[in-house]
Amino acid sequence: MPIRWYGPANPEDPTFRHFERIVNLTLHAALFSAINSGLWVVQELRHPWGHLGIFSLLWLAALLVHAGVVVSLRPRKEA
């Protein structure tokens, strides 16, 4: 089921901004998994790259930092 926003797209709304950050994180994770797995398959089939492990770990660290930022910036519930 695709992620959808129901209602007006108001950039001033904190919930909408959080939703936008979640969509960006999802895109980041999809690109990480697609490109990284493709690079590892190509490495195993044809050409060994000495620094692919470091590249993957750095990109994973960036993805985890991105996830941390999304979680830390989520809107607080009003009591």
N, C-alpha and C. Protein backbone atom coordinates (compact mmCIF):
# COMPACT_ATOMS: atom_id res chain seq x y z
N MET A 1 0.84 -1.17 0.00
CA MET A 1 0.00 0.00 0.00
C MET A 1 0.90 1.24 0.00
N PRO A 2 0.68 2.14 -0.92
CA PRO A 2 1.53 3.33 -0.99
C PRO A 2 1.23 4.29 0.15
N ILE A 3 2.25 5.06 0.50
CA ILE A 3 2.08 6.09 1.52
C ILE A 3 1.38 7.27 0.86
N ARG A 4 0.33 7.77 1.52
CA ARG A 4 -0.42 8.90 0.97
C ARG A 4 -0.68 9.93 2.05
N TRP A 5 -0.80 11.15 1.60
CA TRP A 5 -1.18 12.23 2.49
C TRP A 5 -2.58 12.64 2.12
N TYR A 6 -3.51 12.52 3.06
CA TYR A 6 -4.88 12.91 2.82
C TYR A 6 -5.11 14.27 3.46
N GLY A 7 -5.48 15.21 2.65
CA GLY A 7 -5.70 16.56 3.13
C GLY A 7 -4.87 17.54 2.34
N PRO A 8 -4.98 18.81 2.69
CA PRO A 8 -4.21 19.82 1.97
C PRO A 8 -2.73 19.74 2.34
N ALA A 9 -1.90 19.99 1.34
CA ALA A 9 -0.44 19.97 1.54
C ALA A 9 -0.01 21.33 2.08
N ASN A 10 0.02 21.45 3.38
CA ASN A 10 0.39 22.70 4.04
C ASN A 10 1.79 22.56 4.62
N PRO A 11 2.80 23.22 4.04
CA PRO A 11 4.16 23.10 4.57
C PRO A 11 4.33 23.66 5.98
N GLU A 12 3.38 24.42 6.47
CA GLU A 12 3.44 24.96 7.83
C GLU A 12 3.00 23.93 8.87
N ASP A 13 2.30 22.89 8.44
CA ASP A 13 1.78 21.87 9.35
C ASP A 13 2.93 20.95 9.78
N PRO A 14 3.17 20.81 11.09
CA PRO A 14 4.27 19.96 11.55
C PRO A 14 4.08 18.49 11.18
N THR A 15 2.84 18.04 11.15
CA THR A 15 2.59 16.64 10.77
C THR A 15 2.93 16.42 9.31
N PHE A 16 2.61 17.37 8.45
CA PHE A 16 2.95 17.26 7.04
C PHE A 16 4.45 17.27 6.84
N ARG A 17 5.17 18.13 7.58
CA ARG A 17 6.63 18.16 7.46
C ARG A 17 7.25 16.85 7.92
N HIS A 18 6.70 16.26 8.98
CA HIS A 18 7.20 14.97 9.45
C HIS A 18 6.92 13.88 8.41
N PHE A 19 5.75 13.91 7.83
CA PHE A 19 5.41 12.96 6.78
C PHE A 19 6.39 13.09 5.61
N GLU A 20 6.72 14.31 5.25
CA GLU A 20 7.67 14.55 4.16
C GLU A 20 9.06 14.00 4.51
N ARG A 21 9.48 14.16 5.76
CA ARG A 21 10.76 13.60 6.19
C ARG A 21 10.74 12.08 6.14
N ILE A 22 9.62 11.47 6.50
CA ILE A 22 9.50 10.01 6.45
C ILE A 22 9.59 9.51 5.01
N VAL A 23 8.93 10.21 4.10
CA VAL A 23 8.99 9.83 2.68
C VAL A 23 10.42 9.95 2.18
N ASN A 24 11.14 11.00 2.55
CA ASN A 24 12.53 11.16 2.14
C ASN A 24 13.41 10.06 2.72
N LEU A 25 13.16 9.67 3.97
CA LEU A 25 13.92 8.58 4.58
C LEU A 25 13.63 7.26 3.85
N THR A 26 12.40 7.03 3.48
CA THR A 26 12.05 5.82 2.75
C THR A 26 12.74 5.77 1.40
N LEU A 27 12.79 6.90 0.71
CA LEU A 27 13.50 6.97 -0.56
C LEU A 27 15.00 6.72 -0.36
N HIS A 28 15.57 7.29 0.68
CA HIS A 28 16.98 7.09 0.98
C HIS A 28 17.27 5.61 1.24
N ALA A 29 16.41 4.95 2.02
CA ALA A 29 16.61 3.54 2.32
C ALA A 29 16.45 2.67 1.06
N ALA A 30 15.50 3.02 0.20
CA ALA A 30 15.29 2.25 -1.04
C ALA A 30 16.51 2.39 -1.96
N LEU A 31 17.02 3.60 -2.09
CA LEU A 31 18.21 3.80 -2.93
C LEU A 31 19.42 3.08 -2.34
N PHE A 32 19.56 3.12 -1.03
CA PHE A 32 20.67 2.42 -0.38
C PHE A 32 20.60 0.93 -0.67
N SER A 33 19.44 0.34 -0.49
CA SER A 33 19.34 -1.11 -0.68
C SER A 33 19.51 -1.50 -2.15
N ALA A 34 18.95 -0.74 -3.06
CA ALA A 34 19.05 -1.08 -4.48
C ALA A 34 20.49 -0.91 -5.00
N ILE A 35 21.07 0.24 -4.75
CA ILE A 35 22.41 0.51 -5.28
C ILE A 35 23.46 -0.34 -4.58
N ASN A 36 23.35 -0.44 -3.26
CA ASN A 36 24.35 -1.19 -2.52
C ASN A 36 24.31 -2.67 -2.86
N SER A 37 23.13 -3.26 -2.94
CA SER A 37 23.05 -4.68 -3.30
C SER A 37 23.53 -4.90 -4.74
N GLY A 38 23.22 -3.98 -5.63
CA GLY A 38 23.70 -4.09 -7.00
C GLY A 38 25.22 -4.04 -7.09
N LEU A 39 25.82 -3.14 -6.33
CA LEU A 39 27.28 -3.05 -6.32
C LEU A 39 27.92 -4.32 -5.78
N TRP A 40 27.33 -4.90 -4.74
CA TRP A 40 27.89 -6.13 -4.19
C TRP A 40 27.74 -7.30 -5.16
N VAL A 41 26.64 -7.35 -5.89
CA VAL A 41 26.47 -8.42 -6.89
C VAL A 41 27.50 -8.26 -8.00
N VAL A 42 27.69 -7.04 -8.49
CA VAL A 42 28.68 -6.80 -9.54
C VAL A 42 30.07 -7.15 -9.04
N GLN A 43 30.36 -6.82 -7.79
CA GLN A 43 31.67 -7.15 -7.25
C GLN A 43 31.88 -8.67 -7.22
N GLU A 44 30.88 -9.41 -6.79
CA GLU A 44 31.02 -10.86 -6.71
C GLU A 44 31.12 -11.50 -8.09
N LEU A 45 30.47 -10.92 -9.08
CA LEU A 45 30.47 -11.51 -10.41
C LEU A 45 31.71 -11.17 -11.23
N ARG A 46 32.17 -9.92 -11.12
CA ARG A 46 33.20 -9.47 -12.06
C ARG A 46 34.45 -8.89 -11.44
N HIS A 47 34.28 -7.85 -10.68
CA HIS A 47 35.44 -7.03 -10.33
C HIS A 47 35.49 -6.79 -8.83
N PRO A 48 36.55 -7.21 -8.15
CA PRO A 48 36.64 -6.92 -6.71
C PRO A 48 37.04 -5.46 -6.46
N TRP A 49 36.25 -4.80 -5.64
CA TRP A 49 36.54 -3.42 -5.24
C TRP A 49 36.96 -3.44 -3.78
N GLY A 50 38.15 -2.97 -3.51
CA GLY A 50 38.69 -3.04 -2.17
C GLY A 50 37.97 -2.17 -1.15
N HIS A 51 37.36 -1.09 -1.59
CA HIS A 51 36.77 -0.14 -0.66
C HIS A 51 35.25 -0.20 -0.62
N LEU A 52 34.66 -1.24 -1.19
CA LEU A 52 33.20 -1.31 -1.21
C LEU A 52 32.64 -1.51 0.20
N GLY A 53 33.33 -2.24 1.04
CA GLY A 53 32.86 -2.44 2.41
C GLY A 53 32.83 -1.14 3.19
N ILE A 54 33.86 -0.32 3.04
CA ILE A 54 33.91 0.98 3.72
C ILE A 54 32.81 1.89 3.18
N PHE A 55 32.63 1.88 1.85
CA PHE A 55 31.57 2.68 1.23
C PHE A 55 30.20 2.29 1.78
N SER A 56 29.96 0.99 1.88
CA SER A 56 28.66 0.51 2.38
C SER A 56 28.45 0.91 3.83
N LEU A 57 29.48 0.77 4.65
CA LEU A 57 29.35 1.13 6.06
C LEU A 57 29.13 2.63 6.26
N LEU A 58 29.82 3.45 5.47
CA LEU A 58 29.62 4.90 5.57
C LEU A 58 28.22 5.30 5.14
N TRP A 59 27.73 4.67 4.07
CA TRP A 59 26.38 4.99 3.61
C TRP A 59 25.35 4.51 4.62
N LEU A 60 25.58 3.35 5.22
CA LEU A 60 24.67 2.85 6.25
C LEU A 60 24.67 3.78 7.45
N ALA A 61 25.83 4.29 7.82
CA ALA A 61 25.90 5.25 8.93
C ALA A 61 25.12 6.52 8.60
N ALA A 62 25.24 7.00 7.37
CA ALA A 62 24.48 8.18 6.95
C ALA A 62 22.98 7.90 6.99
N LEU A 63 22.58 6.70 6.60
CA LEU A 63 21.16 6.33 6.64
C LEU A 63 20.66 6.28 8.09
N LEU A 64 21.47 5.75 8.99
CA LEU A 64 21.07 5.70 10.40
C LEU A 64 21.01 7.09 11.02
N VAL A 65 21.92 7.98 10.63
CA VAL A 65 21.85 9.37 11.10
C VAL A 65 20.58 10.02 10.58
N HIS A 66 20.26 9.78 9.32
CA HIS A 66 19.04 10.32 8.73
C HIS A 66 17.81 9.83 9.52
N ALA A 67 17.79 8.54 9.85
CA ALA A 67 16.67 7.99 10.62
C ALA A 67 16.61 8.64 12.00
N GLY A 68 17.75 8.86 12.62
CA GLY A 68 17.77 9.52 13.92
C GLY A 68 17.24 10.94 13.86
N VAL A 69 17.58 11.65 12.81
CA VAL A 69 17.07 13.02 12.64
C VAL A 69 15.56 13.00 12.46
N VAL A 70 15.05 12.06 11.68
CA VAL A 70 13.60 11.98 11.46
C VAL A 70 12.88 11.68 12.77
N VAL A 71 13.42 10.77 13.56
CA VAL A 71 12.79 10.43 14.83
C VAL A 71 12.88 11.60 15.81
N SER A 72 14.00 12.27 15.85
CA SER A 72 14.16 13.37 16.80
C SER A 72 13.32 14.60 16.44
N LEU A 73 12.99 14.77 15.18
CA LEU A 73 12.21 15.93 14.76
C LEU A 73 10.71 15.66 14.64
N ARG A 74 10.28 14.48 15.09
CA ARG A 74 8.85 14.19 14.98
C ARG A 74 8.05 15.16 15.86
N PRO A 75 6.86 15.50 15.43
CA PRO A 75 6.07 16.45 16.21
C PRO A 75 5.60 15.80 17.52
N ARG A 76 5.59 16.58 18.57
CA ARG A 76 5.14 16.10 19.88
C ARG A 76 3.63 16.17 19.95
N LYS A 77 3.04 15.19 20.63
CA LYS A 77 1.59 15.21 20.80
C LYS A 77 1.21 16.25 21.84
N GLU A 78 0.17 16.99 21.52
CA GLU A 78 -0.31 18.00 22.44
C GLU A 78 -1.21 17.34 23.48
N ALA A 79 -0.96 17.61 24.73
CA ALA A 79 -1.74 16.97 25.80
C ALA A 79 -2.97 17.76 26.14
